[in-house]
Every structure is written in structure tokens, then in C-alpha cells.
C-alpha atoms as a PDB file:
ATOM      1  CA  MET A   1      -8.366  28.422  21.256  1.00  0.00           C
ATOM      2  CA  GLY A   2      -8.856  25.153  19.571  1.00  0.00           C
ATOM      3  CA  LYS A   3     -10.986  24.150  16.906  1.00  0.00           C
ATOM      4  CA  GLU A   4     -14.917  24.017  17.767  1.00  0.00           C
ATOM      5  CA  THR A   5     -15.925  20.308  17.614  1.00  0.00           C
ATOM      6  CA  ILE A   6     -18.761  19.216  15.623  1.00  0.00           C
ATOM      7  CA  LEU A   7     -20.481  15.597  15.970  1.00  0.00           C
ATOM      8  CA  ILE A   8     -22.399  14.321  12.512  1.00  0.00           C
ATOM      9  CA  VAL A   9     -25.110  12.021  13.421  1.00  0.00           C
ATOM     10  CA  GLU A  10     -26.147  10.562  10.085  1.00  0.00           C
ATOM     11  CA  ASP A  11     -26.715   6.986   8.790  1.00  0.00           C
ATOM     12  CA  GLU A  12     -26.552   7.658   4.892  1.00  0.00           C
ATOM     13  CA  ALA A  13     -22.736   7.402   4.067  1.00  0.00           C
ATOM     14  CA  ASP A  14     -23.055   9.887   1.133  1.00  0.00           C
ATOM     15  CA  ILE A  15     -24.898  12.515   3.241  1.00  0.00           C
ATOM     16  CA  GLN A  16     -22.550  12.120   6.119  1.00  0.00           C
ATOM     17  CA  GLU A  17     -19.223  12.480   3.889  1.00  0.00           C
ATOM     18  CA  LEU A  18     -20.708  15.593   2.408  1.00  0.00           C
ATOM     19  CA  VAL A  19     -21.454  17.275   5.549  1.00  0.00           C
ATOM     20  CA  ARG A  20     -17.924  16.022   7.036  1.00  0.00           C
ATOM     21  CA  TYR A  21     -16.191  17.242   4.147  1.00  0.00           C
ATOM     22  CA  ASN A  22     -17.558  20.657   3.897  1.00  0.00           C
ATOM     23  CA  LEU A  23     -17.264  21.242   7.844  1.00  0.00           C
ATOM     24  CA  ALA A  24     -13.749  20.208   8.076  1.00  0.00           C
ATOM     25  CA  LYS A  25     -13.006  22.491   4.951  1.00  0.00           C
ATOM     26  CA  ALA A  26     -14.635  25.276   7.064  1.00  0.00           C
ATOM     27  CA  GLY A  27     -11.845  24.555   9.830  1.00  0.00           C
ATOM     28  CA  TYR A  28     -14.142  22.693  12.243  1.00  0.00           C
ATOM     29  CA  LEU A  29     -13.056  19.238  14.064  1.00  0.00           C
ATOM     30  CA  VAL A  30     -15.708  16.706  12.731  1.00  0.00           C
ATOM     31  CA  PHE A  31     -16.507  13.453  14.105  1.00  0.00           C
ATOM     32  CA  CYS A  32     -19.232  10.773  12.314  1.00  0.00           C
ATOM     33  CA  VAL A  33     -21.646   8.183  13.647  1.00  0.00           C
ATOM     34  CA  GLY A  34     -24.280   6.419  12.077  1.00  0.00           C
ATOM     35  CA  SER A  35     -26.980   5.606  14.870  1.00  0.00           C
ATOM     36  CA  GLY A  36     -28.513   7.084  17.951  1.00  0.00           C
ATOM     37  CA  GLU A  37     -26.760   5.088  20.332  1.00  0.00           C
ATOM     38  CA  GLU A  38     -23.338   5.639  19.103  1.00  0.00           C
ATOM     39  CA  ALA A  39     -24.195   9.330  19.408  1.00  0.00           C
ATOM     40  CA  LEU A  40     -24.795   9.375  22.888  1.00  0.00           C
ATOM     41  CA  LYS A  41     -21.612   7.373  23.347  1.00  0.00           C
ATOM     42  CA  ARG A  42     -19.442   9.952  21.468  1.00  0.00           C
ATOM     43  CA  VAL A  43     -21.133  13.030  23.020  1.00  0.00           C
ATOM     44  CA  ARG A  44     -20.188  11.688  26.373  1.00  0.00           C
ATOM     45  CA  SER A  45     -16.623  10.920  25.418  1.00  0.00           C
ATOM     46  CA  GLU A  46     -15.740  13.881  23.019  1.00  0.00           C
ATOM     47  CA  SER A  47     -18.232  16.583  24.512  1.00  0.00           C
ATOM     48  CA  PRO A  48     -18.536  18.211  21.157  1.00  0.00           C
ATOM     49  CA  ASP A  49     -19.693  21.919  20.740  1.00  0.00           C
ATOM     50  CA  MET A  50     -22.514  21.045  18.581  1.00  0.00           C
ATOM     51  CA  VAL A  51     -24.356  18.100  17.065  1.00  0.00           C
ATOM     52  CA  VAL A  52     -25.692  17.990  13.566  1.00  0.00           C
ATOM     53  CA  LEU A  53     -28.321  15.489  14.093  1.00  0.00           C
ATOM     54  CA  ASP A  54     -30.469  13.580  11.547  1.00  0.00           C
ATOM     55  CA  LEU A  55     -33.915  12.783  12.786  1.00  0.00           C
ATOM     56  CA  MET A  56     -34.428   9.410  10.705  1.00  0.00           C
ATOM     57  CA  LEU A  57     -32.057   7.086  12.182  1.00  0.00           C
ATOM     58  CA  PRO A  58     -32.190   3.431  12.725  1.00  0.00           C
ATOM     59  CA  GLY A  59     -32.840   2.247  16.365  1.00  0.00           C
ATOM     60  CA  MET A  60     -33.052   5.459  18.516  1.00  0.00           C
ATOM     61  CA  ASP A  61     -34.234   8.321  16.331  1.00  0.00           C
ATOM     62  CA  GLY A  62     -33.073  12.082  16.524  1.00  0.00           C
ATOM     63  CA  LEU A  63     -35.785  13.214  18.535  1.00  0.00           C
ATOM     64  CA  GLU A  64     -34.923  10.391  21.626  1.00  0.00           C
ATOM     65  CA  ILE A  65     -31.370  11.749  21.213  1.00  0.00           C
ATOM     66  CA  CYS A  66     -32.314  15.338  21.500  1.00  0.00           C
ATOM     67  CA  LYS A  67     -34.428  14.890  24.123  1.00  0.00           C
ATOM     68  CA  GLU A  68     -31.983  12.778  26.293  1.00  0.00           C
ATOM     69  CA  LEU A  69     -28.992  15.230  25.674  1.00  0.00           C
ATOM     70  CA  LYS A  70     -31.388  18.367  26.764  1.00  0.00           C
ATOM     71  CA  ASN A  71     -32.572  16.290  29.776  1.00  0.00           C
ATOM     72  CA  ASP A  72     -29.075  15.659  30.924  1.00  0.00           C
ATOM     73  CA  THR A  73     -27.139  18.705  32.736  1.00  0.00           C
ATOM     74  CA  ALA A  74     -23.816  17.420  31.421  1.00  0.00           C
ATOM     75  CA  THR A  75     -25.026  17.789  27.955  1.00  0.00           C
ATOM     76  CA  GLN A  76     -27.865  20.019  27.743  1.00  0.00           C
ATOM     77  CA  ASN A  77     -25.631  22.840  26.831  1.00  0.00           C
ATOM     78  CA  ILE A  78     -24.530  21.446  23.555  1.00  0.00           C
ATOM     79  CA  SER A  79     -26.236  23.003  20.516  1.00  0.00           C
ATOM     80  CA  ILE A  80     -27.946  20.994  18.227  1.00  0.00           C
ATOM     81  CA  ILE A  81     -28.973  21.439  14.651  1.00  0.00           C
ATOM     82  CA  MET A  82     -31.170  19.014  13.011  1.00  0.00           C
ATOM     83  CA  LEU A  83     -31.159  17.541   9.754  1.00  0.00           C
ATOM     84  CA  THR A  84     -34.896  16.859   8.477  1.00  0.00           C
ATOM     85  CA  ALA A  85     -36.631  15.533   5.245  1.00  0.00           C
ATOM     86  CA  LYS A  86     -39.223  17.986   3.485  1.00  0.00           C
ATOM     87  CA  GLY A  87     -42.688  17.504   5.124  1.00  0.00           C
ATOM     88  CA  GLU A  88     -41.479  16.547   8.641  1.00  0.00           C
ATOM     89  CA  GLU A  89     -42.728  19.601  10.019  1.00  0.00           C
ATOM     90  CA  ASP A  90     -44.237  17.817  13.254  1.00  0.00           C
ATOM     91  CA  ASP A  91     -40.843  16.648  13.996  1.00  0.00           C
ATOM     92  CA  ILE A  92     -39.323  19.957  13.460  1.00  0.00           C
ATOM     93  CA  VAL A  93     -41.791  21.482  15.821  1.00  0.00           C
ATOM     94  CA  ALA A  94     -41.089  18.782  18.490  1.00  0.00           C
ATOM     95  CA  GLY A  95     -37.159  19.064  18.272  1.00  0.00           C
ATOM     96  CA  LEU A  96     -37.557  23.082  18.587  1.00  0.00           C
ATOM     97  CA  GLU A  97     -39.476  22.484  21.798  1.00  0.00           C
ATOM     98  CA  LEU A  98     -37.475  19.775  22.888  1.00  0.00           C
ATOM     99  CA  GLY A  99     -34.335  22.463  22.821  1.00  0.00           C
ATOM    100  CA  ALA A 100     -32.897  22.055  19.421  1.00  0.00           C
ATOM    101  CA  ASP A 101     -31.199  25.469  18.234  1.00  0.00           C
ATOM    102  CA  ASP A 102     -32.122  25.235  14.593  1.00  0.00           C
ATOM    103  CA  TYR A 103     -33.047  22.826  11.570  1.00  0.00           C
ATOM    104  CA  ILE A 104     -32.281  22.440   7.923  1.00  0.00           C
ATOM    105  CA  THR A 105     -34.242  20.482   5.572  1.00  0.00           C
ATOM    106  CA  LYS A 106     -32.702  18.139   3.045  1.00  0.00           C
ATOM    107  CA  PRO A 107     -31.777  18.448   0.276  1.00  0.00           C
ATOM    108  CA  PHE A 108     -29.378  21.302   1.626  1.00  0.00           C
ATOM    109  CA  SER A 109     -26.595  23.559   0.365  1.00  0.00           C
ATOM    110  CA  PRO A 110     -23.427  22.685   2.364  1.00  0.00           C
ATOM    111  CA  ARG A 111     -23.099  26.737   2.577  1.00  0.00           C
ATOM    112  CA  VAL A 112     -26.269  27.208   4.086  1.00  0.00           C
ATOM    113  CA  LEU A 113     -25.588  24.583   6.531  1.00  0.00           C
ATOM    114  CA  ILE A 114     -22.005  26.097   7.461  1.00  0.00           C
ATOM    115  CA  ALA A 115     -23.962  29.601   7.790  1.00  0.00           C
ATOM    116  CA  ARG A 116     -26.524  28.144  10.222  1.00  0.00           C
ATOM    117  CA  ILE A 117     -23.816  26.262  12.163  1.00  0.00           C
ATOM    118  CA  ARG A 118     -21.767  29.536  12.614  1.00  0.00           C
ATOM    119  CA  ALA A 119     -24.902  31.504  13.644  1.00  0.00           C
ATOM    120  CA  VAL A 120     -25.808  29.176  15.906  1.00  0.00           C
ATOM    121  CA  LEU A 121     -22.254  28.881  17.669  1.00  0.00           C
ATOM    122  CA  ARG A 122     -21.811  32.711  17.613  1.00  0.00           C
ATOM    123  CA  ARG A 123     -25.339  33.143  19.607  1.00  0.00           C
ATOM    124  CA  LYS A 124     -23.819  30.353  22.151  1.00  0.00           C
ATOM    125  CA  GLY A 125     -21.009  32.469  22.636  1.00  0.00           C
ATOM    126  CA  GLU A 126     -22.516  35.687  23.315  1.00  0.00           C
ATOM    127  CA  LYS A 127     -23.687  37.007  26.724  1.00  0.00           C
ATOM    128  CA  PRO A 128     -27.256  35.666  27.355  1.00  0.00           C
ATOM    129  CA  PRO A 129     -29.874  38.186  26.904  1.00  0.00           C
ATOM    130  CA  SER A 130     -31.806  39.836  29.667  1.00  0.00           C
ATOM    131  CA  GLU A 131     -35.478  40.652  29.764  1.00  0.00           C
ATOM    132  CA  THR A 132     -34.596  43.928  31.208  1.00  0.00           C
ATOM    133  CA  ASP A 133     -32.099  45.000  28.714  1.00  0.00           C
ATOM    134  CA  VAL A 134     -32.999  47.582  25.887  1.00  0.00           C
ATOM    135  CA  ILE A 135     -33.296  46.053  22.573  1.00  0.00           C
ATOM    136  CA  ARG A 136     -31.744  47.893  19.642  1.00  0.00           C
ATOM    137  CA  ILE A 137     -32.180  46.025  16.320  1.00  0.00           C
ATOM    138  CA  HIS A 138     -32.894  47.252  12.693  1.00  0.00           C
ATOM    139  CA  ASN A 139     -34.984  50.411  13.095  1.00  0.00           C
ATOM    140  CA  LEU A 140     -36.511  49.140  16.472  1.00  0.00           C
ATOM    141  CA  VAL A 141     -36.112  50.160  20.065  1.00  0.00           C
ATOM    142  CA  ILE A 142     -37.775  48.118  22.463  1.00  0.00           C
ATOM    143  CA  HIS A 143     -37.402  49.242  25.983  1.00  0.00           C
ATOM    144  CA  PRO A 144     -38.931  46.659  28.617  1.00  0.00           C
ATOM    145  CA  GLY A 145     -38.793  49.133  31.468  1.00  0.00           C
ATOM    146  CA  ARG A 146     -40.829  51.640  29.953  1.00  0.00           C
ATOM    147  CA  HIS A 147     -43.093  49.309  28.004  1.00  0.00           C
ATOM    148  CA  GLU A 148     -41.878  51.245  24.867  1.00  0.00           C
ATOM    149  CA  VAL A 149     -41.307  50.499  21.327  1.00  0.00           C
ATOM    150  CA  LEU A 150     -40.101  52.941  18.883  1.00  0.00           C
ATOM    151  CA  VAL A 151     -39.725  52.449  15.080  1.00  0.00           C
ATOM    152  CA  ASP A 152     -37.670  55.326  13.269  1.00  0.00           C
ATOM    153  CA  GLY A 153     -37.956  57.199  16.784  1.00  0.00           C
ATOM    154  CA  GLU A 154     -41.825  57.006  16.630  1.00  0.00           C
ATOM    155  CA  SER A 155     -43.677  55.597  19.592  1.00  0.00           C
ATOM    156  CA  VAL A 156     -45.969  52.530  18.722  1.00  0.00           C
ATOM    157  CA  GLU A 157     -48.432  51.581  20.971  1.00  0.00           C
ATOM    158  CA  LEU A 158     -48.716  47.710  21.544  1.00  0.00           C
ATOM    159  CA  THR A 159     -50.883  45.667  23.912  1.00  0.00           C
ATOM    160  CA  LEU A 160     -49.073  43.834  26.901  1.00  0.00           C
ATOM    161  CA  THR A 161     -49.580  40.542  24.687  1.00  0.00           C
ATOM    162  CA  GLU A 162     -48.122  42.199  21.560  1.00  0.00           C
ATOM    163  CA  PHE A 163     -45.444  43.682  23.388  1.00  0.00           C
ATOM    164  CA  LYS A 164     -44.452  40.121  25.102  1.00  0.00           C
ATOM    165  CA  VAL A 165     -44.744  38.725  21.627  1.00  0.00           C
ATOM    166  CA  LEU A 166     -42.204  41.073  20.106  1.00  0.00           C
ATOM    167  CA  GLN A 167     -39.783  41.116  22.944  1.00  0.00           C
ATOM    168  CA  THR A 168     -39.685  37.306  22.974  1.00  0.00           C
ATOM    169  CA  LEU A 169     -38.771  37.369  19.262  1.00  0.00           C
ATOM    170  CA  ALA A 170     -36.341  40.285  19.134  1.00  0.00           C
ATOM    171  CA  ILE A 171     -34.628  38.968  22.409  1.00  0.00           C
ATOM    172  CA  ARG A 172     -33.106  36.123  20.230  1.00  0.00           C
ATOM    173  CA  PRO A 173     -32.840  37.208  16.366  1.00  0.00           C
ATOM    174  CA  GLY A 174     -32.455  34.428  13.905  1.00  0.00           C
ATOM    175  CA  TRP A 175     -33.973  31.731  16.614  1.00  0.00           C
ATOM    176  CA  VAL A 176     -37.122  29.803  15.261  1.00  0.00           C
ATOM    177  CA  PHE A 177     -39.794  29.888  17.944  1.00  0.00           C
ATOM    178  CA  THR A 178     -42.847  27.499  17.496  1.00  0.00           C
ATOM    179  CA  ARG A 179     -46.061  28.850  18.415  1.00  0.00           C
ATOM    180  CA  TYR A 180     -46.538  26.840  21.551  1.00  0.00           C
ATOM    181  CA  GLN A 181     -42.941  28.644  22.588  1.00  0.00           C
ATOM    182  CA  ILE A 182     -44.404  31.963  21.961  1.00  0.00           C
ATOM    183  CA  ALA A 183     -47.527  30.977  24.053  1.00  0.00           C
ATOM    184  CA  ASP A 184     -45.319  29.848  26.615  1.00  0.00           C
ATOM    185  CA  ALA A 185     -43.151  32.678  26.766  1.00  0.00           C
ATOM    186  CA  VAL A 186     -46.246  35.338  26.636  1.00  0.00           C
ATOM    187  CA  HIS A 187     -48.488  33.358  28.961  1.00  0.00           C
ATOM    188  CA  GLY A 188     -46.312  31.047  31.096  1.00  0.00           C
ATOM    189  CA  GLY A 189     -48.339  28.158  30.498  1.00  0.00           C
ATOM    190  CA  GLU A 190     -51.323  29.394  32.596  1.00  0.00           C
ATOM    191  CA  ASP A 191     -53.636  29.955  29.811  1.00  0.00           C
ATOM    192  CA  VAL A 192     -55.115  27.707  26.923  1.00  0.00           C
ATOM    193  CA  VAL A 193     -53.767  29.628  23.797  1.00  0.00           C
ATOM    194  CA  THR A 194     -54.192  28.117  20.344  1.00  0.00           C
ATOM    195  CA  ASP A 195     -52.115  28.172  17.209  1.00  0.00           C
ATOM    196  CA  ARG A 196     -54.611  30.438  15.500  1.00  0.00           C
ATOM    197  CA  SER A 197     -54.552  33.164  18.456  1.00  0.00           C
ATOM    198  CA  VAL A 198     -50.864  33.428  18.434  1.00  0.00           C
ATOM    199  CA  ASP A 199     -51.046  33.749  14.325  1.00  0.00           C
ATOM    200  CA  VAL A 200     -53.489  36.678  15.240  1.00  0.00           C
ATOM    201  CA  GLN A 201     -51.315  38.411  17.443  1.00  0.00           C
ATOM    202  CA  ILE A 202     -48.511  38.076  15.055  1.00  0.00           C
ATOM    203  CA  ALA A 203     -50.562  39.803  12.334  1.00  0.00           C
ATOM    204  CA  ALA A 204     -51.727  42.357  14.647  1.00  0.00           C
ATOM    205  CA  LEU A 205     -48.057  43.275  15.766  1.00  0.00           C
ATOM    206  CA  ARG A 206     -46.951  43.398  12.194  1.00  0.00           C
ATOM    207  CA  LYS A 207     -49.581  45.879  11.006  1.00  0.00           C
ATOM    208  CA  LYS A 208     -48.615  48.163  14.259  1.00  0.00           C
ATOM    209  CA  LEU A 209     -45.067  47.962  13.499  1.00  0.00           C
ATOM    210  CA  GLY A 210     -45.590  49.191  10.017  1.00  0.00           C
ATOM    211  CA  SER A 211     -42.094  49.199   8.190  1.00  0.00           C
ATOM    212  CA  ALA A 212     -40.534  47.296  10.646  1.00  0.00           C
ATOM    213  CA  GLY A 213     -43.393  44.547  10.323  1.00  0.00           C
ATOM    214  CA  LYS A 214     -41.110  42.700   7.803  1.00  0.00           C
ATOM    215  CA  TYR A 215     -38.754  41.550  10.185  1.00  0.00           C
ATOM    216  CA  VAL A 216     -41.177  39.184  11.972  1.00  0.00           C
ATOM    217  CA  GLU A 217     -40.731  36.328   9.627  1.00  0.00           C
ATOM    218  CA  THR A 218     -43.066  33.303   9.348  1.00  0.00           C
ATOM    219  CA  VAL A 219     -41.271  29.888   9.311  1.00  0.00           C
ATOM    220  CA  ARG A 220     -44.123  27.973   7.498  1.00  0.00           C
ATOM    221  CA  GLY A 221     -45.293  25.064   9.303  1.00  0.00           C
ATOM    222  CA  VAL A 222     -43.209  25.886  12.281  1.00  0.00           C
ATOM    223  CA  GLY A 223     -43.683  29.204  13.753  1.00  0.00           C
ATOM    224  CA  TYR A 224     -41.894  32.671  13.726  1.00  0.00           C
ATOM    225  CA  ARG A 225     -38.490  34.283  14.121  1.00  0.00           C
ATOM    226  CA  PHE A 226     -37.224  37.828  14.142  1.00  0.00           C
ATOM    227  CA  LYS A 227     -34.942  38.806  11.308  1.00  0.00           C
ATOM    228  CA  GLU A 228     -31.387  39.149  12.355  1.00  0.00           C
END
């Protein structure tokens, strides 16, 4: 197998070189561009495995690039990790809802970035999870067919909504879900669900899960994830 290829889209030369050097050292084949327009051309010519995408770019910004890539059947399966400045929570949420796989805030540790890249590429290579599969993770067993949850072998009684929230998170451990994505997965967009109602469901779920509640992690300003 050849090296996995990563396109870095970053207009600041120092950051671009920092990321390029560390990813090349980690064994990836790396390409770099400094604008959104260049990024789209390079993606279509090189078909990289991943795009590390700065959101603040001259001209076409990162969210526009993310949207265009995810709306194109030829590029929609390419993984995207967003690079954002601290405080850009709305952009992070928007990027995740457009289909980005993860994000990392500046300033960042190259080691953390590489770990995030490896995790996303690993998940990409795994068999897509099924909503009917039994999930066994940490001290939890989630059985969709029986609508049953066990913690340390003991049954936990959940409402239908709480069960769906838990299943949504646990079926993709490590993935960050926005409140909108959780609500959409649970209610299918049919009901008007507020951020507050999702938070209430998460709080109730954690309480019922007891010792396993700690695995439902809050991603401040963004949403929630289930700890890998």
C-alpha cells in the first residue's frame, strides 16, 4: 500500500510548514496550497485521503470549500479536519454540520493533530457501523433490537429518546456531534428541538448510566461525543 496523502490548505507560511514537516515525518505524503481556489483544483487532481483545512482563508473560505467538497459525489468521501482559531465556535459547528470529520484549534500541538488525523483515517477504514449491531464499548452493552442497555451487566431503563441519543453517540465513538446533528438523528428533523432540550436529554442520560455516564463528553460550545 502507498502512503496516505494529505492536502494542507493554509495561507500562513509558518503554520503550513509546521504542519507539512510533522505530517511528512509521521509518514504521510503531503501537498500544500494557500487558497481555497487552489485547494479545489488540487483535490480534484490528486484525490487526497484527507484535507487539513484552515477556515480563515483569502477569497474562498474554508466553510465554502468544505461545503463544495461534501456536495460533490466525487469528493464527498474525502476526510476533512478543520483548523480554527479559538472562539470560532459557530464556524466549528457549521463545519461539522457540513460534513467535516473533526477540528483542532490554533495554537495546536503537532502531536495532537497527528493523533486526530490517525483517528479519522482509522475510522474511515473501518466497516461502517449498522444501527442494528450490538455495541460493546467500555463497560456498556447496547442492544438495539431489544432496546436494552447494560452497564456492568446491570440493566438500565432509558426512554426511547435517551436510547437513541446514546446509540447515536456510541455507534461512532470519538466523533463530535453538534446538538443539531443529535436532534436530527433522534427525531429525523420532524420536531422542533432546541439546544436546551438536547442538553436536558444528555444530563438525564448521564445520570441513568451512572459510572458509564462519564463516557458522554461535552465538547464546549459545539456538542457532545462518546469517549473512544
